[in-house]
Amino acid sequence: MKKYIKILNVLFLGIVMLIACKKASYLTDKGIHDAKTPLTTYDYLKQHQYHLFDSLILIIDHYNLKEEMNSAGTVFASTDYSIARYIDAKRLRGNFTMDSLYKYVKADTVRQYFFSDKIKRSNLIDESPRIYTNQGGVVTAVQKQLSDSQADNQWSGAPVYNMWFIKVLDGLDQNATTPLGRSDSRIRCQTADIETSSGGILNVLANTYTFTR
């Protein structure tokens, strides 16, 4: 019951968790540090020191997707902030309860963030988008791109590259030829290239992302 109440607080009240400076470097480096963990993908997310993925784990457990998560070549994980944004958007359209979440978020919703391929920023040769099909059967793209952020470049003497998760609509955008309202969604990975003991790669989507189906 205590855990359930805690998750509801995260989801519905938007509690802001204070992330301490002593947090592991690969969680505060804007996604530019490679790391290995002795934990499986599932356990890494479940045992996160700041419980940043409790909402995602709740969904994983509801649909018994633990083994699928651990066997995936790559997982793009959404934080509590992202899922709270999704719920907040739904609540604007009417009453929304915990049970309502599972009405909209299905197992295949989660599988859209699982990939058979091992997708690492460090393995992307150039800045061209690469197309992948996720385990939900949806075409997605991933792109490595040079950061133009002064904050990124202040502390690094080498070029800083971000990795972007791209939700493709009607084929990759071609700028001028993209119909209005049909632009691809681009989400930066705030952490990338975590190698888990289950053999997969874990990339974490930015807190500012709104989790979608």
Foldseek 3Di string as FASTA:
>chain_A
DVLVVVLCCCQAVVDDFDDDPVPDPLLQQQAFDAAEDAAFPLCCQPVPPRNFQVVVNVQCVVQVCPVVRRQFQEFAGETSLQASLQQVVVVVVHDDDPVNVCVFQDPLLRQQRTHNHADFLVPDPDFDWDWGQTPSRAIWTKGKDFDPDPVNCVPDPDTGIWMKIKRAFPDADPPVPQDPPRHIDIWTFSHWNYQYNSNHTYTYTDSPHHRDD
